[in-house]
């Protein structure tokens, strides 16, 4: 094999690796988006349902109704709980995290597809191949720098790795197995993550 062929094959392998990594991270941010969306929608529902229920009870049964007193007694702890969660939402910027998670998931998924396409059908001209790879590599580096500010946890990275290995039918560098499901194992590369987050 000539040096040019080795370089060509090395670039293809780099493309496959970047595609796999991007695919896993897209999955992580997609799961985060689902989680933040659920929390924010829950806050909105409680913010509307609790006061509306009290108001509807007052209109329907009158201000002196025993049912209204029970309704208010139930509404107070729910309102306190909602206020506490609202503070968490503001402090931890759930809206911002939701927006970034959607954006990152979409871009990483697109980048994964582009790296995969480049790996499958690379240009014959090595200089064109290198140029196209460098463009995608610059974009992925910028996205990874942005993502590093959003506190990706080790268990999330392991979960993303398992998802990618299963999709790409690759053996794990840790346990040497090709994952067949998202059921977590004891592996420190593609396992040891919270099953409820999958």
C-alpha atoms as a PDB file:
ATOM      1  CA  UNK A   1       0.000   0.000   0.000  1.00  0.00           C
ATOM      2  CA  UNK A   2       1.385   3.394  -1.014  1.00  0.00           C
ATOM      3  CA  UNK A   3       1.669   6.400   1.325  1.00  0.00           C
ATOM      4  CA  UNK A   4      -1.159   8.100  -0.578  1.00  0.00           C
ATOM      5  CA  UNK A   5      -3.452   5.093  -0.080  1.00  0.00           C
ATOM      6  CA  UNK A   6      -2.582   4.962   3.616  1.00  0.00           C
ATOM      7  CA  UNK A   7      -3.369   8.655   3.970  1.00  0.00           C
ATOM      8  CA  UNK A   8      -6.636   8.164   2.107  1.00  0.00           C
ATOM      9  CA  UNK A   9      -7.658   5.232   4.330  1.00  0.00           C
ATOM     10  CA  UNK A  10      -6.605   7.142   7.452  1.00  0.00           C
ATOM     11  CA  UNK A  11      -8.847  10.068   6.496  1.00  0.00           C
ATOM     12  CA  UNK A  12     -11.746   7.700   5.846  1.00  0.00           C
ATOM     13  CA  UNK A  13     -11.272   6.146   9.279  1.00  0.00           C
ATOM     14  CA  UNK A  14     -11.194   9.625  10.850  1.00  0.00           C
ATOM     15  CA  UNK A  15     -14.473  10.421   9.077  1.00  0.00           C
ATOM     16  CA  UNK A  16     -16.096   7.252  10.430  1.00  0.00           C
ATOM     17  CA  UNK A  17     -14.869   8.036  13.951  1.00  0.00           C
ATOM     18  CA  UNK A  18     -16.161  11.622  13.822  1.00  0.00           C
ATOM     19  CA  UNK A  19     -19.476  10.390  12.431  1.00  0.00           C
ATOM     20  CA  UNK A  20     -19.830   7.889  15.283  1.00  0.00           C
ATOM     21  CA  UNK A  21     -18.904  10.457  17.963  1.00  0.00           C
ATOM     22  CA  UNK A  22     -21.273  13.098  16.529  1.00  0.00           C
ATOM     23  CA  UNK A  23     -24.100  10.578  16.312  1.00  0.00           C
ATOM     24  CA  UNK A  24     -23.712   9.703  20.014  1.00  0.00           C
ATOM     25  CA  UNK A  25     -23.623  13.338  21.117  1.00  0.00           C
ATOM     26  CA  UNK A  26     -26.675  14.149  18.997  1.00  0.00           C
ATOM     27  CA  UNK A  27     -28.483  11.388  20.914  1.00  0.00           C
ATOM     28  CA  UNK A  28     -27.358  12.849  24.256  1.00  0.00           C
ATOM     29  CA  UNK A  29     -28.663  16.325  23.415  1.00  0.00           C
ATOM     30  CA  UNK A  30     -31.877  14.884  21.994  1.00  0.00           C
ATOM     31  CA  UNK A  31     -32.490  13.118  25.324  1.00  0.00           C
ATOM     32  CA  UNK A  32     -31.673  16.324  27.197  1.00  0.00           C
ATOM     33  CA  UNK A  33     -34.123  18.272  25.033  1.00  0.00           C
ATOM     34  CA  UNK A  34     -36.866  15.741  25.821  1.00  0.00           C
ATOM     35  CA  UNK A  35     -36.122  15.985  29.543  1.00  0.00           C
ATOM     36  CA  UNK A  36     -36.047  19.811  29.694  1.00  0.00           C
ATOM     37  CA  UNK A  37     -39.152  20.040  27.509  1.00  0.00           C
ATOM     38  CA  UNK A  38     -41.018  17.741  29.915  1.00  0.00           C
ATOM     39  CA  UNK A  39     -39.977  19.782  32.981  1.00  0.00           C
ATOM     40  CA  UNK A  40     -40.870  23.122  31.393  1.00  0.00           C
ATOM     41  CA  UNK A  41     -44.220  21.886  30.085  1.00  0.00           C
ATOM     42  CA  UNK A  42     -45.026  20.457  33.529  1.00  0.00           C
ATOM     43  CA  UNK A  43     -44.359  23.859  35.094  1.00  0.00           C
ATOM     44  CA  UNK A  44     -46.632  25.519  32.522  1.00  0.00           C
ATOM     45  CA  UNK A  45     -49.421  23.002  33.129  1.00  0.00           C
ATOM     46  CA  UNK A  46     -49.327  23.482  36.909  1.00  0.00           C
ATOM     47  CA  UNK A  47     -49.124  27.250  36.433  1.00  0.00           C
ATOM     48  CA  UNK A  48     -52.453  27.156  34.575  1.00  0.00           C
ATOM     49  CA  UNK A  49     -54.302  24.180  36.079  1.00  0.00           C
ATOM     50  CA  UNK A  50     -53.966  25.118  39.778  1.00  0.00           C
ATOM     51  CA  UNK A  51     -55.378  28.681  39.647  1.00  0.00           C
ATOM     52  CA  UNK A  52     -57.975  27.750  37.035  1.00  0.00           C
ATOM     53  CA  UNK A  53     -59.190  24.841  39.189  1.00  0.00           C
ATOM     54  CA  UNK A  54     -59.591  27.106  42.232  1.00  0.00           C
ATOM     55  CA  UNK A  55     -61.380  29.755  40.162  1.00  0.00           C
ATOM     56  CA  UNK A  56     -63.677  27.216  38.499  1.00  0.00           C
ATOM     57  CA  UNK A  57     -64.544  25.708  41.907  1.00  0.00           C
ATOM     58  CA  UNK A  58     -65.368  29.176  43.290  1.00  0.00           C
ATOM     59  CA  UNK A  59     -67.592  30.024  40.317  1.00  0.00           C
ATOM     60  CA  UNK A  60     -69.269  26.622  40.210  1.00  0.00           C
ATOM     61  CA  UNK A  61     -69.872  26.020  43.923  1.00  0.00           C
ATOM     62  CA  UNK A  62     -69.737  29.488  45.475  1.00  0.00           C
ATOM     63  CA  UNK A  63     -67.257  31.222  47.774  1.00  0.00           C
ATOM     64  CA  UNK A  64     -68.662  29.637  50.916  1.00  0.00           C
ATOM     65  CA  UNK A  65     -68.405  26.089  49.541  1.00  0.00           C
ATOM     66  CA  UNK A  66     -66.555  23.416  51.530  1.00  0.00           C
ATOM     67  CA  UNK A  67     -65.222  22.135  48.208  1.00  0.00           C
ATOM     68  CA  UNK A  68     -63.566  25.513  47.589  1.00  0.00           C
ATOM     69  CA  UNK A  69     -61.805  25.328  50.956  1.00  0.00           C
ATOM     70  CA  UNK A  70     -60.462  21.868  50.089  1.00  0.00           C
ATOM     71  CA  UNK A  71     -59.478  23.134  46.652  1.00  0.00           C
ATOM     72  CA  UNK A  72     -57.508  26.031  48.162  1.00  0.00           C
ATOM     73  CA  UNK A  73     -55.921  23.731  50.764  1.00  0.00           C
ATOM     74  CA  UNK A  74     -54.698  21.497  47.924  1.00  0.00           C
ATOM     75  CA  UNK A  75     -53.662  24.430  45.735  1.00  0.00           C
ATOM     76  CA  UNK A  76     -51.339  25.997  48.345  1.00  0.00           C
ATOM     77  CA  UNK A  77     -48.754  23.153  48.547  1.00  0.00           C
ATOM     78  CA  UNK A  78     -48.930  22.669  44.763  1.00  0.00           C
ATOM     79  CA  UNK A  79     -48.273  26.383  44.240  1.00  0.00           C
ATOM     80  CA  UNK A  80     -45.331  26.296  46.674  1.00  0.00           C
ATOM     81  CA  UNK A  81     -43.891  23.274  44.835  1.00  0.00           C
ATOM     82  CA  UNK A  82     -44.347  25.078  41.514  1.00  0.00           C
ATOM     83  CA  UNK A  83     -42.556  28.164  42.847  1.00  0.00           C
ATOM     84  CA  UNK A  84     -39.620  26.043  44.025  1.00  0.00           C
ATOM     85  CA  UNK A  85     -39.337  24.336  40.640  1.00  0.00           C
ATOM     86  CA  UNK A  86     -39.641  27.728  38.911  1.00  0.00           C
ATOM     87  CA  UNK A  87     -36.647  28.963  40.901  1.00  0.00           C
ATOM     88  CA  UNK A  88     -34.661  25.913  39.754  1.00  0.00           C
ATOM     89  CA  UNK A  89     -35.762  26.563  36.158  1.00  0.00           C
ATOM     90  CA  UNK A  90     -34.521  30.151  36.329  1.00  0.00           C
ATOM     91  CA  UNK A  91     -31.265  29.453  38.186  1.00  0.00           C
ATOM     92  CA  UNK A  92     -30.296  26.479  35.996  1.00  0.00           C
ATOM     93  CA  UNK A  93     -31.592  28.170  32.815  1.00  0.00           C
ATOM     94  CA  UNK A  94     -33.814  25.324  31.649  1.00  0.00           C
ATOM     95  CA  UNK A  95     -35.143  27.393  28.730  1.00  0.00           C
ATOM     96  CA  UNK A  96     -31.607  28.110  27.488  1.00  0.00           C
ATOM     97  CA  UNK A  97     -30.599  24.477  27.958  1.00  0.00           C
ATOM     98  CA  UNK A  98     -33.663  23.328  26.032  1.00  0.00           C
ATOM     99  CA  UNK A  99     -32.890  25.684  23.143  1.00  0.00           C
ATOM    100  CA  UNK A 100     -29.225  24.657  23.019  1.00  0.00           C
ATOM    101  CA  UNK A 101     -30.071  20.951  23.241  1.00  0.00           C
ATOM    102  CA  UNK A 102     -32.399  21.170  20.216  1.00  0.00           C
ATOM    103  CA  UNK A 103     -29.830  23.160  18.239  1.00  0.00           C
ATOM    104  CA  UNK A 104     -26.896  20.892  19.155  1.00  0.00           C
ATOM    105  CA  UNK A 105     -28.840  17.702  18.456  1.00  0.00           C
ATOM    106  CA  UNK A 106     -29.799  18.881  14.964  1.00  0.00           C
ATOM    107  CA  UNK A 107     -26.343  20.134  14.009  1.00  0.00           C
ATOM    108  CA  UNK A 108     -24.534  17.082  15.388  1.00  0.00           C
ATOM    109  CA  UNK A 109     -26.914  14.776  13.541  1.00  0.00           C
ATOM    110  CA  UNK A 110     -26.274  16.684  10.302  1.00  0.00           C
ATOM    111  CA  UNK A 111     -22.507  16.589  10.861  1.00  0.00           C
ATOM    112  CA  UNK A 112     -22.655  12.857  11.550  1.00  0.00           C
ATOM    113  CA  UNK A 113     -24.408  12.320   8.212  1.00  0.00           C
ATOM    114  CA  UNK A 114     -21.864  14.502   6.390  1.00  0.00           C
ATOM    115  CA  UNK A 115     -18.891  12.656   7.896  1.00  0.00           C
ATOM    116  CA  UNK A 116     -20.538   9.336   7.035  1.00  0.00           C
ATOM    117  CA  UNK A 117     -21.141  10.427   3.436  1.00  0.00           C
ATOM    118  CA  UNK A 118     -17.527  11.575   3.138  1.00  0.00           C
ATOM    119  CA  UNK A 119     -16.297   8.251   4.542  1.00  0.00           C
ATOM    120  CA  UNK A 120     -18.484   6.213   2.176  1.00  0.00           C
ATOM    121  CA  UNK A 121     -17.767   8.173  -1.008  1.00  0.00           C
ATOM    122  CA  UNK A 122     -14.543  10.136  -0.536  1.00  0.00           C
ATOM    123  CA  UNK A 123     -13.132  12.271  -3.376  1.00  0.00           C
ATOM    124  CA  UNK A 124     -10.354  10.588  -5.383  1.00  0.00           C
ATOM    125  CA  UNK A 125      -8.181  13.689  -5.093  1.00  0.00           C
ATOM    126  CA  UNK A 126      -6.525  13.554  -1.652  1.00  0.00           C
ATOM    127  CA  UNK A 127      -6.232  17.349  -1.448  1.00  0.00           C
ATOM    128  CA  UNK A 128      -9.980  17.776  -2.044  1.00  0.00           C
ATOM    129  CA  UNK A 129     -10.620  15.038   0.540  1.00  0.00           C
ATOM    130  CA  UNK A 130      -8.387  16.766   3.105  1.00  0.00           C
ATOM    131  CA  UNK A 131     -10.041  20.123   2.413  1.00  0.00           C
ATOM    132  CA  UNK A 132     -13.576  18.752   2.861  1.00  0.00           C
ATOM    133  CA  UNK A 133     -12.540  16.911   6.023  1.00  0.00           C
ATOM    134  CA  UNK A 134     -10.924  20.049   7.484  1.00  0.00           C
ATOM    135  CA  UNK A 135     -14.096  22.087   6.895  1.00  0.00           C
ATOM    136  CA  UNK A 136     -16.232  19.546   8.751  1.00  0.00           C
ATOM    137  CA  UNK A 137     -13.553  19.101  11.419  1.00  0.00           C
ATOM    138  CA  UNK A 138     -13.495  22.856  12.117  1.00  0.00           C
ATOM    139  CA  UNK A 139     -17.294  22.913  12.488  1.00  0.00           C
ATOM    140  CA  UNK A 140     -17.305  19.904  14.835  1.00  0.00           C
ATOM    141  CA  UNK A 141     -14.512  21.386  16.967  1.00  0.00           C
ATOM    142  CA  UNK A 142     -16.489  24.615  17.364  1.00  0.00           C
ATOM    143  CA  UNK A 143     -19.624  22.662  18.325  1.00  0.00           C
ATOM    144  CA  UNK A 144     -17.654  20.547  20.813  1.00  0.00           C
ATOM    145  CA  UNK A 145     -16.248  23.700  22.426  1.00  0.00           C
ATOM    146  CA  UNK A 146     -19.775  25.084  22.810  1.00  0.00           C
ATOM    147  CA  UNK A 147     -21.054  21.763  24.156  1.00  0.00           C
ATOM    148  CA  UNK A 148     -18.281  21.622  26.770  1.00  0.00           C
ATOM    149  CA  UNK A 149     -19.940  24.634  28.443  1.00  0.00           C
ATOM    150  CA  UNK A 150     -23.107  22.562  28.941  1.00  0.00           C
ATOM    151  CA  UNK A 151     -21.646  20.075  31.392  1.00  0.00           C
ATOM    152  CA  UNK A 152     -21.747  16.757  29.517  1.00  0.00           C
ATOM    153  CA  UNK A 153     -21.540  14.083  32.193  1.00  0.00           C
ATOM    154  CA  UNK A 154     -19.479  10.911  31.959  1.00  0.00           C
ATOM    155  CA  UNK A 155     -22.557   8.661  32.157  1.00  0.00           C
ATOM    156  CA  UNK A 156     -24.148  10.620  29.278  1.00  0.00           C
ATOM    157  CA  UNK A 157     -21.043  10.111  27.135  1.00  0.00           C
ATOM    158  CA  UNK A 158     -21.119   6.364  27.885  1.00  0.00           C
ATOM    159  CA  UNK A 159     -24.807   6.252  26.961  1.00  0.00           C
ATOM    160  CA  UNK A 160     -24.104   8.113  23.691  1.00  0.00           C
ATOM    161  CA  UNK A 161     -21.219   5.773  22.943  1.00  0.00           C
ATOM    162  CA  UNK A 162     -23.437   2.710  23.403  1.00  0.00           C
ATOM    163  CA  UNK A 163     -26.085   4.203  21.127  1.00  0.00           C
ATOM    164  CA  UNK A 164     -23.469   4.914  18.420  1.00  0.00           C
ATOM    165  CA  UNK A 165     -21.758   1.539  18.684  1.00  0.00           C
ATOM    166  CA  UNK A 166     -25.117  -0.186  18.312  1.00  0.00           C
ATOM    167  CA  UNK A 167     -26.028   1.940  15.278  1.00  0.00           C
ATOM    168  CA  UNK A 168     -22.631   1.558  13.574  1.00  0.00           C
ATOM    169  CA  UNK A 169     -22.212  -2.109  14.577  1.00  0.00           C
ATOM    170  CA  UNK A 170     -18.794  -1.441  16.103  1.00  0.00           C
ATOM    171  CA  UNK A 171     -17.103  -3.328  18.920  1.00  0.00           C
ATOM    172  CA  UNK A 172     -16.662  -1.427  22.171  1.00  0.00           C
ATOM    173  CA  UNK A 173     -13.037  -0.630  23.052  1.00  0.00           C
ATOM    174  CA  UNK A 174     -13.809  -1.534  26.677  1.00  0.00           C
ATOM    175  CA  UNK A 175     -15.815  -4.761  26.679  1.00  0.00           C
ATOM    176  CA  UNK A 176     -15.137  -5.834  23.081  1.00  0.00           C
ATOM    177  CA  UNK A 177     -18.847  -6.378  22.336  1.00  0.00           C
ATOM    178  CA  UNK A 178     -21.183  -4.869  19.766  1.00  0.00           C
ATOM    179  CA  UNK A 179     -24.169  -3.548  21.761  1.00  0.00           C
ATOM    180  CA  UNK A 180     -27.480  -5.110  20.773  1.00  0.00           C
ATOM    181  CA  UNK A 181     -29.675  -2.934  22.996  1.00  0.00           C
ATOM    182  CA  UNK A 182     -29.550   0.181  25.161  1.00  0.00           C
ATOM    183  CA  UNK A 183     -29.626  -1.962  28.298  1.00  0.00           C
ATOM    184  CA  UNK A 184     -26.699  -0.644  30.395  1.00  0.00           C
ATOM    185  CA  UNK A 185     -23.849  -2.998  31.260  1.00  0.00           C
ATOM    186  CA  UNK A 186     -20.938  -2.710  33.727  1.00  0.00           C
ATOM    187  CA  UNK A 187     -18.590  -1.514  30.959  1.00  0.00           C
ATOM    188  CA  UNK A 188     -16.847   1.809  31.668  1.00  0.00           C
ATOM    189  CA  UNK A 189     -16.900   2.738  27.984  1.00  0.00           C
ATOM    190  CA  UNK A 190     -20.425   1.828  26.811  1.00  0.00           C
ATOM    191  CA  UNK A 191     -22.251   1.080  30.068  1.00  0.00           C
ATOM    192  CA  UNK A 192     -22.707   2.274  33.640  1.00  0.00           C
ATOM    193  CA  UNK A 193     -25.420   4.808  32.858  1.00  0.00           C
ATOM    194  CA  UNK A 194     -28.871   5.405  34.256  1.00  0.00           C
ATOM    195  CA  UNK A 195     -31.399   3.202  32.436  1.00  0.00           C
ATOM    196  CA  UNK A 196     -34.267   5.615  33.201  1.00  0.00           C
ATOM    197  CA  UNK A 197     -32.529   8.333  31.130  1.00  0.00           C
ATOM    198  CA  UNK A 198     -32.438   6.208  27.952  1.00  0.00           C
END
